[in-house]
Amino acid sequence: MTENRVLQQLAEEIRQINEGNGWNVTQPEQWGGAYKVPAILALIHSEVSEALEAFRHDDGENFIEEMADIVIRVLDCVAAFTDDFDSVVRAKLEKNRQRGYRHGGKRV
């Protein structure tokens, strides 16, 4: 596994596992559809909610597992729309690096 494409390779593995388990993975042509992307975003949101509940119940092990579910769902989705998510993340990190201290005036 090359270091520069770790996320993309994980995404491809996730999609293979999902397809092998009978799930329909996202396809590029589904971007404009009314269902698939919103449904995936809702599922990501549900995983975030489950992570929050694990935190509220002081269940660190389940919290970490739910965080993994979030990453898995995100990578499964973005793999349909880019073949180099690693570069997208690296570019975003560089953009964030250039922002000022507590940019935007937000309190939190």
C-alpha atoms as a PDB file:
ATOM      1  CA  MET A   1       0.000   0.000   0.000  1.00  0.00           C
ATOM      2  CA  THR A   2       1.554   3.276  -1.036  1.00  0.00           C
ATOM      3  CA  GLU A   3       1.595   5.947   1.626  1.00  0.00           C
ATOM      4  CA  ASN A   4       0.134   8.594  -0.675  1.00  0.00           C
ATOM      5  CA  ARG A   5      -3.056   6.649  -1.409  1.00  0.00           C
ATOM      6  CA  VAL A   6      -3.925   5.049   1.904  1.00  0.00           C
ATOM      7  CA  LEU A   7      -7.449   6.477   2.070  1.00  0.00           C
ATOM      8  CA  GLN A   8      -8.224   5.546  -1.522  1.00  0.00           C
ATOM      9  CA  GLN A   9      -7.034   2.000  -1.006  1.00  0.00           C
ATOM     10  CA  LEU A  10      -9.104   1.711   2.170  1.00  0.00           C
ATOM     11  CA  ALA A  11     -12.107   3.030   0.245  1.00  0.00           C
ATOM     12  CA  GLU A  12     -11.653   0.397  -2.441  1.00  0.00           C
ATOM     13  CA  GLU A  13     -11.410  -2.337   0.214  1.00  0.00           C
ATOM     14  CA  ILE A  14     -14.526  -1.014   1.951  1.00  0.00           C
ATOM     15  CA  ARG A  15     -16.455  -1.035  -1.321  1.00  0.00           C
ATOM     16  CA  GLN A  16     -15.350  -4.603  -2.077  1.00  0.00           C
ATOM     17  CA  ILE A  17     -16.496  -5.748   1.368  1.00  0.00           C
ATOM     18  CA  ASN A  18     -19.816  -3.913   1.021  1.00  0.00           C
ATOM     19  CA  GLU A  19     -20.458  -5.364  -2.437  1.00  0.00           C
ATOM     20  CA  GLY A  20     -19.503  -8.828  -1.157  1.00  0.00           C
ATOM     21  CA  ASN A  21     -22.047  -8.438   1.628  1.00  0.00           C
ATOM     22  CA  GLY A  22     -24.788  -7.533  -0.820  1.00  0.00           C
ATOM     23  CA  TRP A  23     -24.866  -3.754  -0.372  1.00  0.00           C
ATOM     24  CA  ASN A  24     -25.191  -1.388  -3.316  1.00  0.00           C
ATOM     25  CA  VAL A  25     -22.177   0.907  -3.292  1.00  0.00           C
ATOM     26  CA  THR A  26     -22.508   4.447  -4.560  1.00  0.00           C
ATOM     27  CA  GLN A  27     -21.909   4.981  -8.273  1.00  0.00           C
ATOM     28  CA  PRO A  28     -20.706   8.252  -9.889  1.00  0.00           C
ATOM     29  CA  GLU A  29     -23.970   8.742 -11.777  1.00  0.00           C
ATOM     30  CA  GLN A  30     -25.868   8.824  -8.461  1.00  0.00           C
ATOM     31  CA  TRP A  31     -24.450  12.260  -7.571  1.00  0.00           C
ATOM     32  CA  GLY A  32     -27.472  14.131  -8.926  1.00  0.00           C
ATOM     33  CA  GLY A  33     -30.055  11.645  -7.700  1.00  0.00           C
ATOM     34  CA  ALA A  34     -32.575  12.498  -5.046  1.00  0.00           C
ATOM     35  CA  TYR A  35     -31.836   9.475  -2.859  1.00  0.00           C
ATOM     36  CA  LYS A  36     -28.357   7.934  -2.646  1.00  0.00           C
ATOM     37  CA  VAL A  37     -26.103  10.775  -1.433  1.00  0.00           C
ATOM     38  CA  PRO A  38     -28.660  12.198   1.032  1.00  0.00           C
ATOM     39  CA  ALA A  39     -29.221   8.675   2.378  1.00  0.00           C
ATOM     40  CA  ILE A  40     -25.489   8.169   2.898  1.00  0.00           C
ATOM     41  CA  LEU A  41     -25.204  11.532   4.639  1.00  0.00           C
ATOM     42  CA  ALA A  42     -28.073  10.513   6.927  1.00  0.00           C
ATOM     43  CA  LEU A  43     -26.273   7.243   7.688  1.00  0.00           C
ATOM     44  CA  ILE A  44     -23.059   9.144   8.479  1.00  0.00           C
ATOM     45  CA  HIS A  45     -25.100  11.370  10.774  1.00  0.00           C
ATOM     46  CA  SER A  46     -26.558   8.303  12.514  1.00  0.00           C
ATOM     47  CA  GLU A  47     -23.048   6.958  13.120  1.00  0.00           C
ATOM     48  CA  VAL A  48     -22.048  10.329  14.601  1.00  0.00           C
ATOM     49  CA  SER A  49     -25.092  10.148  16.878  1.00  0.00           C
ATOM     50  CA  GLU A  50     -24.119   6.637  17.948  1.00  0.00           C
ATOM     51  CA  ALA A  51     -20.608   7.885  18.755  1.00  0.00           C
ATOM     52  CA  LEU A  52     -22.125  10.672  20.839  1.00  0.00           C
ATOM     53  CA  GLU A  53     -24.259   8.174  22.748  1.00  0.00           C
ATOM     54  CA  ALA A  54     -21.212   5.981  23.377  1.00  0.00           C
ATOM     55  CA  PHE A  55     -19.419   9.042  24.758  1.00  0.00           C
ATOM     56  CA  ARG A  56     -22.404   9.933  26.940  1.00  0.00           C
ATOM     57  CA  HIS A  57     -22.362   6.394  28.358  1.00  0.00           C
ATOM     58  CA  ASP A  58     -18.592   6.541  28.913  1.00  0.00           C
ATOM     59  CA  ASP A  59     -18.145   3.616  26.515  1.00  0.00           C
ATOM     60  CA  GLY A  60     -14.752   4.362  24.991  1.00  0.00           C
ATOM     61  CA  GLU A  61     -14.516   1.076  23.106  1.00  0.00           C
ATOM     62  CA  ASN A  62     -17.861   1.579  21.359  1.00  0.00           C
ATOM     63  CA  PHE A  63     -17.000   5.240  20.729  1.00  0.00           C
ATOM     64  CA  ILE A  64     -13.886   4.245  18.773  1.00  0.00           C
ATOM     65  CA  GLU A  65     -15.857   1.630  16.829  1.00  0.00           C
ATOM     66  CA  GLU A  66     -18.511   4.200  15.899  1.00  0.00           C
ATOM     67  CA  MET A  67     -15.781   6.610  14.770  1.00  0.00           C
ATOM     68  CA  ALA A  68     -14.492   3.829  12.507  1.00  0.00           C
ATOM     69  CA  ASP A  69     -18.027   3.418  11.122  1.00  0.00           C
ATOM     70  CA  ILE A  70     -18.056   7.140  10.285  1.00  0.00           C
ATOM     71  CA  VAL A  71     -14.774   6.864   8.359  1.00  0.00           C
ATOM     72  CA  ILE A  72     -15.979   3.717   6.579  1.00  0.00           C
ATOM     73  CA  ARG A  73     -19.207   5.374   5.435  1.00  0.00           C
ATOM     74  CA  VAL A  74     -17.386   8.531   4.317  1.00  0.00           C
ATOM     75  CA  LEU A  75     -14.777   6.601   2.339  1.00  0.00           C
ATOM     76  CA  ASP A  76     -17.428   4.374   0.770  1.00  0.00           C
ATOM     77  CA  CYS A  77     -19.253   7.462  -0.466  1.00  0.00           C
ATOM     78  CA  VAL A  78     -16.367   9.590  -1.709  1.00  0.00           C
ATOM     79  CA  ALA A  79     -14.805   6.713  -3.652  1.00  0.00           C
ATOM     80  CA  ALA A  80     -17.662   7.045  -6.141  1.00  0.00           C
ATOM     81  CA  PHE A  81     -16.807  10.669  -6.851  1.00  0.00           C
ATOM     82  CA  THR A  82     -13.002  10.812  -6.776  1.00  0.00           C
ATOM     83  CA  ASP A  83     -10.185   8.377  -7.303  1.00  0.00           C
ATOM     84  CA  ASP A  84      -7.739  10.436  -5.232  1.00  0.00           C
ATOM     85  CA  PHE A  85      -9.398  11.410  -1.963  1.00  0.00           C
ATOM     86  CA  ASP A  86      -5.961  11.425  -0.330  1.00  0.00           C
ATOM     87  CA  SER A  87      -5.016  14.471  -2.431  1.00  0.00           C
ATOM     88  CA  VAL A  88      -8.302  16.168  -1.567  1.00  0.00           C
ATOM     89  CA  VAL A  89      -7.675  15.669   2.162  1.00  0.00           C
ATOM     90  CA  ARG A  90      -4.048  16.805   1.856  1.00  0.00           C
ATOM     91  CA  ALA A  91      -5.123  19.949  -0.045  1.00  0.00           C
ATOM     92  CA  LYS A  92      -7.720  20.708   2.625  1.00  0.00           C
ATOM     93  CA  LEU A  93      -5.143  20.237   5.373  1.00  0.00           C
ATOM     94  CA  GLU A  94      -2.834  22.678   3.600  1.00  0.00           C
ATOM     95  CA  LYS A  95      -5.679  25.170   3.262  1.00  0.00           C
ATOM     96  CA  ASN A  96      -6.432  24.815   6.984  1.00  0.00           C
ATOM     97  CA  ARG A  97      -2.731  25.220   7.787  1.00  0.00           C
ATOM     98  CA  GLN A  98      -2.792  28.638   6.085  1.00  0.00           C
ATOM     99  CA  ARG A  99      -5.744  29.917   8.092  1.00  0.00           C
ATOM    100  CA  GLY A 100      -5.170  32.239  10.987  1.00  0.00           C
ATOM    101  CA  TYR A 101      -5.457  31.403  14.647  1.00  0.00           C
ATOM    102  CA  ARG A 102      -9.127  30.703  15.416  1.00  0.00           C
ATOM    103  CA  HIS A 103     -10.099  32.066  12.007  1.00  0.00           C
ATOM    104  CA  GLY A 104     -13.645  33.214  11.402  1.00  0.00           C
ATOM    105  CA  GLY A 105     -14.175  34.644  14.872  1.00  0.00           C
ATOM    106  CA  LYS A 106     -15.967  31.551  16.137  1.00  0.00           C
ATOM    107  CA  ARG A 107     -16.046  30.977  19.881  1.00  0.00           C
ATOM    108  CA  VAL A 108     -15.772  27.210  19.651  1.00  0.00           C
END
